N, C-alpha and C. Protein backbone atom coordinates (compact mmCIF):
# COMPACT_ATOMS: atom_id res chain seq x y z
N MET A 1 -20.17 80.19 20.21
CA MET A 1 -20.96 79.00 20.22
C MET A 1 -20.48 78.03 19.14
N LYS A 2 -20.10 78.63 18.07
CA LYS A 2 -19.60 77.83 16.95
C LYS A 2 -18.37 77.03 17.38
N TYR A 3 -17.48 77.68 18.11
CA TYR A 3 -16.27 77.00 18.55
C TYR A 3 -16.55 75.96 19.63
N THR A 4 -17.58 76.19 20.39
CA THR A 4 -17.95 75.23 21.43
C THR A 4 -18.47 73.94 20.81
N LEU A 5 -19.25 74.04 19.77
CA LEU A 5 -19.76 72.83 19.09
C LEU A 5 -18.62 72.05 18.43
N ILE A 6 -17.71 72.77 17.82
CA ILE A 6 -16.56 72.08 17.19
C ILE A 6 -15.72 71.41 18.27
N PHE A 7 -15.55 72.11 19.41
CA PHE A 7 -14.76 71.55 20.50
C PHE A 7 -15.43 70.29 21.07
N LEU A 8 -16.74 70.33 21.25
CA LEU A 8 -17.46 69.16 21.77
C LEU A 8 -17.42 67.99 20.77
N ALA A 9 -17.50 68.30 19.51
CA ALA A 9 -17.43 67.24 18.49
C ALA A 9 -16.06 66.57 18.50
N LEU A 10 -15.00 67.38 18.63
CA LEU A 10 -13.65 66.80 18.67
C LEU A 10 -13.45 65.96 19.92
N ILE A 11 -13.94 66.41 21.05
CA ILE A 11 -13.80 65.62 22.29
C ILE A 11 -14.60 64.33 22.18
N THR A 12 -15.78 64.37 21.61
CA THR A 12 -16.60 63.16 21.45
C THR A 12 -15.90 62.16 20.54
N LEU A 13 -15.34 62.64 19.46
CA LEU A 13 -14.59 61.74 18.56
C LEU A 13 -13.37 61.15 19.25
N HIS A 14 -12.69 61.99 20.03
CA HIS A 14 -11.49 61.52 20.73
C HIS A 14 -11.83 60.46 21.76
N LEU A 15 -12.88 60.67 22.52
CA LEU A 15 -13.28 59.70 23.55
C LEU A 15 -13.83 58.41 22.93
N SER A 16 -14.52 58.51 21.82
CA SER A 16 -15.05 57.29 21.19
C SER A 16 -13.93 56.44 20.59
N SER A 17 -12.81 57.06 20.25
CA SER A 17 -11.70 56.26 19.70
C SER A 17 -11.07 55.40 20.78
N PHE A 18 -11.09 55.85 22.03
CA PHE A 18 -10.55 55.03 23.12
C PHE A 18 -11.49 53.87 23.46
N SER A 19 -12.76 54.02 23.21
CA SER A 19 -13.70 52.96 23.56
C SER A 19 -13.69 51.81 22.55
N GLN A 20 -13.06 51.98 21.39
CA GLN A 20 -13.00 50.90 20.40
C GLN A 20 -11.76 50.04 20.65
N ASN A 21 -11.93 49.01 21.44
CA ASN A 21 -10.84 48.08 21.71
C ASN A 21 -10.84 46.98 20.66
N LYS A 22 -9.69 46.74 20.11
CA LYS A 22 -9.58 45.65 19.13
C LYS A 22 -9.51 44.33 19.88
N LYS A 23 -10.22 43.34 19.33
CA LYS A 23 -10.18 42.02 19.94
C LYS A 23 -8.87 41.34 19.58
N LYS A 24 -8.28 40.74 20.57
CA LYS A 24 -7.04 40.02 20.33
C LYS A 24 -7.36 38.59 19.90
N ARG A 25 -6.57 38.10 18.96
CA ARG A 25 -6.75 36.71 18.50
C ARG A 25 -6.19 35.76 19.54
N ALA A 26 -6.89 34.67 19.71
CA ALA A 26 -6.41 33.66 20.64
C ALA A 26 -5.21 32.94 20.02
N LEU A 27 -4.26 32.62 20.85
CA LEU A 27 -3.09 31.88 20.37
C LEU A 27 -3.49 30.45 20.03
N PRO A 28 -2.92 29.88 18.95
CA PRO A 28 -3.24 28.49 18.65
C PRO A 28 -2.69 27.57 19.73
N PRO A 29 -3.33 26.42 19.92
CA PRO A 29 -2.83 25.50 20.95
C PRO A 29 -1.46 24.98 20.55
N PRO A 30 -0.65 24.63 21.52
CA PRO A 30 0.68 24.12 21.18
C PRO A 30 0.57 22.75 20.50
N PRO A 31 1.53 22.39 19.65
CA PRO A 31 1.45 21.08 18.99
C PRO A 31 1.58 19.96 20.02
N PRO A 32 0.89 18.82 19.76
CA PRO A 32 0.97 17.72 20.73
C PRO A 32 2.36 17.08 20.68
N PRO A 33 2.75 16.44 21.77
CA PRO A 33 4.03 15.75 21.74
C PRO A 33 4.01 14.61 20.72
N ALA A 34 5.19 14.21 20.26
CA ALA A 34 5.31 13.20 19.20
C ALA A 34 4.65 11.88 19.58
N ALA A 35 4.61 11.58 20.86
CA ALA A 35 4.04 10.29 21.30
C ALA A 35 2.53 10.25 21.09
N GLN A 36 1.87 11.43 21.03
CA GLN A 36 0.42 11.45 20.90
C GLN A 36 -0.05 11.62 19.46
N ILE A 37 0.86 11.81 18.53
CA ILE A 37 0.46 11.99 17.13
C ILE A 37 -0.02 10.66 16.58
N VAL A 38 -1.21 10.67 15.98
CA VAL A 38 -1.83 9.46 15.44
C VAL A 38 -1.59 9.44 13.93
N ASP A 39 -1.20 8.29 13.39
CA ASP A 39 -1.01 8.16 11.96
C ASP A 39 -2.38 8.16 11.28
N LEU A 40 -2.61 9.14 10.41
CA LEU A 40 -3.90 9.23 9.74
C LEU A 40 -4.02 8.25 8.59
N PHE A 41 -2.91 7.68 8.15
CA PHE A 41 -2.93 6.76 7.02
C PHE A 41 -2.42 5.39 7.48
N PRO A 42 -3.27 4.58 8.10
CA PRO A 42 -2.82 3.24 8.46
C PRO A 42 -2.64 2.40 7.19
N ASP A 43 -2.05 1.22 7.34
CA ASP A 43 -1.87 0.35 6.18
C ASP A 43 -3.22 0.11 5.52
N THR A 44 -3.28 0.39 4.22
CA THR A 44 -4.54 0.17 3.52
C THR A 44 -4.68 -1.29 3.12
N LEU A 45 -3.61 -2.05 3.24
CA LEU A 45 -3.68 -3.47 2.93
C LEU A 45 -3.95 -4.21 4.23
N SER A 46 -5.12 -4.80 4.32
CA SER A 46 -5.46 -5.56 5.52
C SER A 46 -6.16 -6.84 5.09
N LEU A 47 -5.96 -7.86 5.86
CA LEU A 47 -6.56 -9.16 5.58
C LEU A 47 -7.66 -9.38 6.61
N GLN A 48 -8.89 -9.25 6.16
CA GLN A 48 -10.02 -9.39 7.06
C GLN A 48 -10.90 -10.54 6.58
N GLU A 49 -11.65 -11.06 7.52
CA GLU A 49 -12.57 -12.14 7.20
C GLU A 49 -13.62 -11.62 6.21
N TYR A 50 -13.99 -12.45 5.27
CA TYR A 50 -14.97 -12.13 4.21
C TYR A 50 -14.51 -11.00 3.29
N SER A 51 -13.21 -10.82 3.14
CA SER A 51 -12.71 -9.84 2.18
C SER A 51 -12.18 -10.58 0.95
N SER A 52 -12.16 -9.90 -0.18
CA SER A 52 -11.68 -10.51 -1.41
C SER A 52 -10.17 -10.72 -1.34
N PRO A 53 -9.66 -11.79 -1.95
CA PRO A 53 -8.21 -12.00 -1.96
C PRO A 53 -7.52 -10.89 -2.76
N LYS A 54 -6.31 -10.59 -2.38
CA LYS A 54 -5.50 -9.60 -3.10
C LYS A 54 -4.40 -10.34 -3.85
N LEU A 55 -4.33 -10.10 -5.17
CA LEU A 55 -3.38 -10.82 -6.01
C LEU A 55 -2.22 -9.92 -6.40
N PHE A 56 -1.00 -10.49 -6.38
CA PHE A 56 0.20 -9.80 -6.80
C PHE A 56 1.01 -10.76 -7.66
N GLU A 57 1.52 -10.25 -8.80
CA GLU A 57 2.18 -11.12 -9.76
C GLU A 57 3.56 -10.59 -10.11
N TRP A 58 4.52 -11.50 -10.22
CA TRP A 58 5.87 -11.20 -10.68
C TRP A 58 6.14 -12.07 -11.90
N LYS A 59 6.66 -11.45 -12.98
CA LYS A 59 7.06 -12.19 -14.17
C LYS A 59 8.48 -11.80 -14.51
N MET A 60 9.25 -12.77 -14.95
CA MET A 60 10.59 -12.47 -15.41
C MET A 60 10.48 -11.76 -16.75
N ASN A 61 11.15 -10.62 -16.89
CA ASN A 61 11.09 -9.84 -18.11
C ASN A 61 12.52 -9.62 -18.60
N ALA A 62 13.01 -10.58 -19.37
CA ALA A 62 14.38 -10.48 -19.87
C ALA A 62 14.54 -11.38 -21.09
N ASP A 63 15.55 -11.08 -21.91
CA ASP A 63 15.93 -11.98 -23.00
C ASP A 63 16.85 -13.01 -22.39
N ILE A 64 16.30 -14.19 -22.12
CA ILE A 64 17.07 -15.19 -21.38
C ILE A 64 16.55 -16.58 -21.69
N THR A 65 17.43 -17.54 -21.56
CA THR A 65 17.05 -18.96 -21.64
C THR A 65 17.21 -19.54 -20.25
N LEU A 66 16.12 -20.07 -19.72
CA LEU A 66 16.12 -20.58 -18.36
C LEU A 66 16.34 -22.08 -18.33
N LYS A 67 16.99 -22.53 -17.28
CA LYS A 67 17.17 -23.97 -17.07
C LYS A 67 15.84 -24.58 -16.66
N PRO A 68 15.66 -25.86 -16.86
CA PRO A 68 14.43 -26.51 -16.39
C PRO A 68 14.28 -26.36 -14.88
N GLY A 69 13.06 -26.09 -14.43
CA GLY A 69 12.79 -25.96 -13.00
C GLY A 69 13.00 -24.56 -12.45
N THR A 70 13.38 -23.58 -13.30
CA THR A 70 13.56 -22.21 -12.83
C THR A 70 12.22 -21.49 -12.87
N VAL A 71 11.86 -20.86 -11.78
CA VAL A 71 10.58 -20.16 -11.70
C VAL A 71 10.66 -18.90 -12.56
N PHE A 72 9.69 -18.72 -13.48
CA PHE A 72 9.67 -17.53 -14.32
C PHE A 72 8.47 -16.64 -14.03
N LYS A 73 7.57 -17.12 -13.17
CA LYS A 73 6.40 -16.33 -12.82
C LYS A 73 5.91 -16.79 -11.45
N GLU A 74 5.52 -15.83 -10.61
CA GLU A 74 4.94 -16.14 -9.30
C GLU A 74 3.70 -15.31 -9.10
N LEU A 75 2.73 -15.92 -8.46
CA LEU A 75 1.47 -15.25 -8.15
C LEU A 75 1.22 -15.42 -6.65
N ILE A 76 1.10 -14.30 -5.95
CA ILE A 76 0.82 -14.33 -4.51
C ILE A 76 -0.64 -13.97 -4.32
N LYS A 77 -1.37 -14.84 -3.63
CA LYS A 77 -2.78 -14.60 -3.33
C LYS A 77 -2.90 -14.42 -1.82
N LEU A 78 -3.04 -13.16 -1.38
CA LEU A 78 -3.16 -12.87 0.04
C LEU A 78 -4.61 -12.98 0.45
N THR A 79 -4.88 -13.85 1.41
CA THR A 79 -6.23 -14.04 1.92
C THR A 79 -6.19 -14.07 3.43
N TYR A 80 -7.35 -13.96 4.02
CA TYR A 80 -7.47 -14.05 5.47
C TYR A 80 -7.16 -15.48 5.90
N GLY A 81 -6.29 -15.63 6.85
CA GLY A 81 -5.94 -16.98 7.32
C GLY A 81 -4.68 -17.47 6.66
N VAL A 82 -4.82 -18.22 5.57
CA VAL A 82 -3.67 -18.83 4.89
C VAL A 82 -3.56 -18.25 3.49
N SER A 83 -2.37 -17.73 3.14
CA SER A 83 -2.14 -17.17 1.81
C SER A 83 -1.49 -18.21 0.91
N GLU A 84 -1.62 -17.99 -0.38
CA GLU A 84 -1.17 -18.97 -1.37
C GLU A 84 -0.13 -18.32 -2.29
N VAL A 85 0.97 -19.04 -2.56
CA VAL A 85 1.99 -18.58 -3.50
C VAL A 85 2.12 -19.64 -4.59
N ASN A 86 1.82 -19.24 -5.83
CA ASN A 86 1.92 -20.14 -6.98
C ASN A 86 3.19 -19.80 -7.76
N GLY A 87 4.04 -20.78 -7.96
CA GLY A 87 5.24 -20.60 -8.76
C GLY A 87 5.11 -21.38 -10.06
N PHE A 88 5.36 -20.75 -11.19
CA PHE A 88 5.25 -21.40 -12.50
C PHE A 88 6.65 -21.68 -13.04
N TYR A 89 6.89 -22.92 -13.48
CA TYR A 89 8.18 -23.27 -14.08
C TYR A 89 7.97 -24.35 -15.14
N SER A 90 8.98 -24.51 -15.96
CA SER A 90 8.91 -25.47 -17.06
C SER A 90 9.87 -26.62 -16.79
N GLN A 91 9.53 -27.79 -17.30
CA GLN A 91 10.41 -28.94 -17.15
C GLN A 91 11.47 -28.98 -18.25
N GLU A 92 11.31 -28.13 -19.25
CA GLU A 92 12.28 -28.07 -20.34
C GLU A 92 12.89 -26.67 -20.37
N PRO A 93 14.05 -26.50 -21.02
CA PRO A 93 14.62 -25.16 -21.12
C PRO A 93 13.62 -24.20 -21.77
N LEU A 94 13.57 -22.97 -21.28
CA LEU A 94 12.58 -22.00 -21.72
C LEU A 94 13.29 -20.72 -22.14
N THR A 95 12.96 -20.20 -23.33
CA THR A 95 13.53 -18.95 -23.82
C THR A 95 12.47 -17.87 -23.72
N LEU A 96 12.81 -16.79 -23.01
CA LEU A 96 11.89 -15.66 -22.84
C LEU A 96 12.42 -14.45 -23.58
N LYS A 97 11.51 -13.66 -24.13
CA LYS A 97 11.85 -12.40 -24.79
C LYS A 97 11.35 -11.26 -23.93
N LYS A 98 12.15 -10.21 -23.84
CA LYS A 98 11.80 -9.05 -23.03
C LYS A 98 10.65 -8.29 -23.68
N SER A 99 9.63 -7.97 -22.87
CA SER A 99 8.52 -7.17 -23.38
C SER A 99 8.85 -5.70 -23.14
N LYS A 100 8.48 -4.86 -24.10
CA LYS A 100 8.80 -3.43 -24.01
C LYS A 100 7.55 -2.65 -23.66
N ALA A 101 7.75 -1.52 -23.02
CA ALA A 101 6.63 -0.67 -22.62
C ALA A 101 5.89 -0.16 -23.85
N GLY A 102 4.58 -0.18 -23.79
CA GLY A 102 3.76 0.30 -24.90
C GLY A 102 3.40 -0.77 -25.90
N ARG A 103 4.06 -1.87 -25.86
CA ARG A 103 3.75 -2.98 -26.77
C ARG A 103 3.07 -4.09 -25.99
N ALA A 104 2.23 -4.82 -26.69
CA ALA A 104 1.56 -5.94 -26.04
C ALA A 104 2.58 -7.02 -25.72
N ALA A 105 2.50 -7.55 -24.52
CA ALA A 105 3.43 -8.60 -24.12
C ALA A 105 3.11 -9.88 -24.88
N MET A 106 4.15 -10.47 -25.46
CA MET A 106 3.96 -11.73 -26.18
C MET A 106 3.90 -12.85 -25.15
N GLU A 107 2.93 -13.71 -25.29
CA GLU A 107 2.83 -14.86 -24.40
C GLU A 107 3.80 -15.93 -24.88
N ALA A 108 4.64 -16.37 -24.00
CA ALA A 108 5.58 -17.43 -24.34
C ALA A 108 4.87 -18.77 -24.18
N LYS A 109 4.99 -19.60 -25.19
CA LYS A 109 4.40 -20.94 -25.09
C LYS A 109 5.36 -21.80 -24.28
N VAL A 110 4.85 -22.30 -23.18
CA VAL A 110 5.69 -23.06 -22.26
C VAL A 110 5.35 -24.53 -22.37
N PRO A 111 6.31 -25.34 -22.85
CA PRO A 111 6.05 -26.78 -22.89
C PRO A 111 6.17 -27.37 -21.48
N LYS A 112 5.25 -28.21 -21.13
CA LYS A 112 5.27 -28.91 -19.84
C LYS A 112 5.41 -27.95 -18.67
N MET A 113 4.50 -26.98 -18.59
CA MET A 113 4.53 -26.02 -17.49
C MET A 113 3.93 -26.65 -16.24
N ILE A 114 4.57 -26.42 -15.13
CA ILE A 114 4.13 -26.97 -13.85
C ILE A 114 3.94 -25.80 -12.89
N THR A 115 2.90 -25.89 -12.08
CA THR A 115 2.64 -24.87 -11.06
C THR A 115 2.83 -25.50 -9.69
N SER A 116 3.70 -24.89 -8.90
CA SER A 116 3.85 -25.35 -7.51
C SER A 116 3.05 -24.41 -6.63
N ILE A 117 2.27 -24.97 -5.73
CA ILE A 117 1.40 -24.18 -4.86
C ILE A 117 1.84 -24.41 -3.42
N ASN A 118 2.12 -23.31 -2.71
CA ASN A 118 2.52 -23.37 -1.31
C ASN A 118 1.59 -22.48 -0.50
N TYR A 119 1.29 -22.91 0.72
CA TYR A 119 0.40 -22.17 1.60
C TYR A 119 1.18 -21.71 2.82
N TYR A 120 0.97 -20.42 3.20
CA TYR A 120 1.73 -19.83 4.30
C TYR A 120 0.80 -19.04 5.21
N ASP A 121 1.18 -18.96 6.49
CA ASP A 121 0.51 -18.08 7.44
C ASP A 121 1.00 -16.67 7.18
N THR A 122 0.09 -15.71 7.17
CA THR A 122 0.43 -14.34 6.78
C THR A 122 0.14 -13.36 7.90
N THR A 123 1.08 -12.44 8.13
CA THR A 123 0.86 -11.34 9.05
C THR A 123 1.32 -10.04 8.38
N ILE A 124 0.64 -8.94 8.72
CA ILE A 124 1.01 -7.63 8.21
C ILE A 124 1.31 -6.74 9.41
N ALA A 125 2.52 -6.18 9.45
CA ALA A 125 2.89 -5.27 10.54
C ALA A 125 3.92 -4.27 10.02
N ASN A 126 3.69 -3.00 10.29
CA ASN A 126 4.61 -1.92 9.93
C ASN A 126 4.95 -1.89 8.45
N GLY A 127 3.97 -2.17 7.60
CA GLY A 127 4.20 -2.10 6.15
C GLY A 127 4.97 -3.29 5.60
N ILE A 128 5.14 -4.36 6.39
CA ILE A 128 5.85 -5.56 5.96
C ILE A 128 4.90 -6.76 6.07
N ILE A 129 4.84 -7.54 5.00
CA ILE A 129 4.05 -8.77 5.01
C ILE A 129 5.03 -9.92 5.22
N THR A 130 4.75 -10.75 6.21
CA THR A 130 5.61 -11.91 6.45
C THR A 130 4.81 -13.18 6.14
N LEU A 131 5.42 -14.04 5.37
CA LEU A 131 4.84 -15.35 5.05
C LEU A 131 5.66 -16.39 5.81
N LYS A 132 4.98 -17.14 6.67
CA LYS A 132 5.66 -18.13 7.50
C LYS A 132 5.05 -19.51 7.28
N GLU A 133 5.92 -20.52 7.38
CA GLU A 133 5.48 -21.91 7.30
C GLU A 133 5.95 -22.60 8.57
N ARG A 134 4.99 -23.01 9.39
CA ARG A 134 5.28 -23.66 10.68
C ARG A 134 6.23 -22.82 11.53
N GLY A 135 6.02 -21.52 11.56
CA GLY A 135 6.82 -20.63 12.38
C GLY A 135 8.12 -20.18 11.74
N ARG A 136 8.50 -20.77 10.61
CA ARG A 136 9.75 -20.41 9.93
C ARG A 136 9.46 -19.35 8.88
N LEU A 137 10.23 -18.25 8.89
CA LEU A 137 10.04 -17.18 7.93
C LEU A 137 10.46 -17.65 6.54
N VAL A 138 9.53 -17.57 5.60
CA VAL A 138 9.79 -17.99 4.22
C VAL A 138 10.04 -16.78 3.33
N MET A 139 9.20 -15.75 3.49
CA MET A 139 9.30 -14.59 2.61
C MET A 139 8.86 -13.35 3.38
N ALA A 140 9.57 -12.24 3.18
CA ALA A 140 9.18 -10.95 3.74
C ALA A 140 9.00 -9.98 2.58
N LEU A 141 7.85 -9.32 2.53
CA LEU A 141 7.51 -8.43 1.43
C LEU A 141 7.18 -7.04 1.97
N LYS A 142 7.77 -6.02 1.37
CA LYS A 142 7.49 -4.64 1.75
C LYS A 142 6.35 -4.13 0.88
N ILE A 143 5.38 -3.46 1.48
CA ILE A 143 4.22 -2.93 0.75
C ILE A 143 4.63 -1.63 0.05
N ILE A 144 4.32 -1.53 -1.24
CA ILE A 144 4.61 -0.33 -2.03
C ILE A 144 3.31 0.43 -2.22
N TYR A 145 3.32 1.70 -1.81
CA TYR A 145 2.13 2.54 -1.91
C TYR A 145 2.29 3.58 -3.01
N ALA A 146 1.16 3.96 -3.61
CA ALA A 146 1.11 5.11 -4.52
C ALA A 146 0.89 6.36 -3.66
N LYS A 147 0.93 7.52 -4.29
CA LYS A 147 0.71 8.76 -3.53
C LYS A 147 -0.68 8.82 -2.94
N SER A 148 -1.63 8.13 -3.53
CA SER A 148 -3.01 8.12 -3.01
C SER A 148 -3.20 7.08 -1.92
N ARG A 149 -2.12 6.51 -1.42
CA ARG A 149 -2.11 5.49 -0.37
C ARG A 149 -2.77 4.19 -0.79
N GLU A 150 -2.83 3.94 -2.10
CA GLU A 150 -3.30 2.66 -2.59
C GLU A 150 -2.10 1.73 -2.74
N VAL A 151 -2.32 0.46 -2.49
CA VAL A 151 -1.25 -0.52 -2.62
C VAL A 151 -1.05 -0.82 -4.11
N THR A 152 0.16 -0.56 -4.61
CA THR A 152 0.45 -0.81 -6.02
C THR A 152 1.29 -2.07 -6.22
N GLY A 153 1.94 -2.54 -5.18
CA GLY A 153 2.75 -3.73 -5.34
C GLY A 153 3.42 -4.14 -4.04
N LEU A 154 4.22 -5.19 -4.17
CA LEU A 154 5.00 -5.71 -3.05
C LEU A 154 6.43 -5.90 -3.53
N LYS A 155 7.38 -5.69 -2.64
CA LYS A 155 8.79 -5.88 -2.98
C LYS A 155 9.38 -6.90 -2.03
N ASP A 156 9.95 -7.96 -2.60
CA ASP A 156 10.61 -8.98 -1.80
C ASP A 156 11.87 -8.37 -1.20
N ILE A 157 11.99 -8.43 0.12
CA ILE A 157 13.12 -7.80 0.80
C ILE A 157 14.43 -8.51 0.46
N ASN A 158 14.41 -9.82 0.33
CA ASN A 158 15.64 -10.56 0.07
C ASN A 158 16.09 -10.50 -1.39
N SER A 159 15.20 -10.77 -2.32
CA SER A 159 15.59 -10.85 -3.73
C SER A 159 15.40 -9.55 -4.49
N GLY A 160 14.57 -8.63 -3.98
CA GLY A 160 14.32 -7.37 -4.67
C GLY A 160 13.27 -7.47 -5.76
N ALA A 161 12.65 -8.64 -5.95
CA ALA A 161 11.62 -8.81 -6.97
C ALA A 161 10.39 -7.99 -6.60
N VAL A 162 9.81 -7.31 -7.60
CA VAL A 162 8.64 -6.47 -7.38
C VAL A 162 7.42 -7.18 -7.94
N TYR A 163 6.42 -7.39 -7.10
CA TYR A 163 5.17 -8.03 -7.47
C TYR A 163 4.14 -6.93 -7.71
N GLN A 164 3.58 -6.87 -8.91
CA GLN A 164 2.58 -5.86 -9.26
C GLN A 164 1.18 -6.34 -8.86
N ALA A 165 0.34 -5.40 -8.45
CA ALA A 165 -1.04 -5.74 -8.08
C ALA A 165 -1.81 -6.15 -9.32
N VAL A 166 -2.61 -7.22 -9.19
CA VAL A 166 -3.41 -7.75 -10.28
C VAL A 166 -4.87 -7.74 -9.84
N ALA A 167 -5.77 -7.41 -10.74
CA ALA A 167 -7.19 -7.40 -10.41
C ALA A 167 -7.65 -8.82 -10.08
N SER A 168 -8.52 -8.93 -9.09
CA SER A 168 -9.01 -10.23 -8.66
C SER A 168 -10.51 -10.32 -8.87
N ASP A 169 -10.97 -11.40 -9.49
CA ASP A 169 -12.39 -11.63 -9.67
C ASP A 169 -12.92 -12.68 -8.71
N GLU A 170 -12.09 -13.06 -7.75
CA GLU A 170 -12.47 -14.13 -6.84
C GLU A 170 -13.43 -13.63 -5.77
N MET A 171 -14.16 -14.56 -5.21
CA MET A 171 -15.14 -14.25 -4.18
C MET A 171 -14.42 -14.05 -2.84
N PRO A 172 -15.06 -13.36 -1.89
CA PRO A 172 -14.47 -13.18 -0.57
C PRO A 172 -14.20 -14.52 0.11
N VAL A 173 -13.18 -14.53 0.95
CA VAL A 173 -12.74 -15.76 1.59
C VAL A 173 -12.99 -15.65 3.09
N ALA A 174 -13.48 -16.72 3.67
CA ALA A 174 -13.68 -16.81 5.11
C ALA A 174 -12.94 -18.04 5.61
N VAL A 175 -12.50 -17.97 6.85
CA VAL A 175 -11.81 -19.11 7.45
C VAL A 175 -12.83 -20.20 7.72
N PRO A 176 -12.52 -21.45 7.32
CA PRO A 176 -13.48 -22.52 7.57
C PRO A 176 -13.66 -22.75 9.07
N VAL A 177 -14.88 -22.99 9.47
CA VAL A 177 -15.21 -23.21 10.88
C VAL A 177 -15.14 -24.70 11.15
N THR A 178 -14.34 -25.07 12.15
CA THR A 178 -14.24 -26.49 12.53
C THR A 178 -15.00 -26.69 13.84
N ASN A 179 -15.82 -27.71 13.88
CA ASN A 179 -16.61 -27.99 15.09
C ASN A 179 -16.04 -29.14 15.85
């Protein structure tokens, strides 16, 4: 009888091991074709109605004496509708000193400084900002992003000048309504 109980226990254990089926993991779905992949990070720089203007500034940083009428600083104000580019130049020769990292930039006193203001139609497509005047391309700027997808600056495609982002305290801009 003793052997019969041991035999029945072994058969019961053996049969119960067959009844334990392991669940199979489902295969992951195949990756979508390249045409269906959506860019999760669209351009973070957009010009929308009632949005604050975005300012970008370029300054010449060199030990140099400039001829009269040479632009030494530009400020780009991107707004919805028409964007503004301000160019600063002097009517007299101007000597600039290079500012070094970590030191406060010395402000150069500019005698007879003049600001030229130009207005351009602006479009943003594929990370490129185009400034046009009456359909003619005036300036093309590539958007520079940080790793966090924030816009840190613009780079002029033709001249290579880099415009750094500047904080703006201006109010949101809307396109004027004409009746």
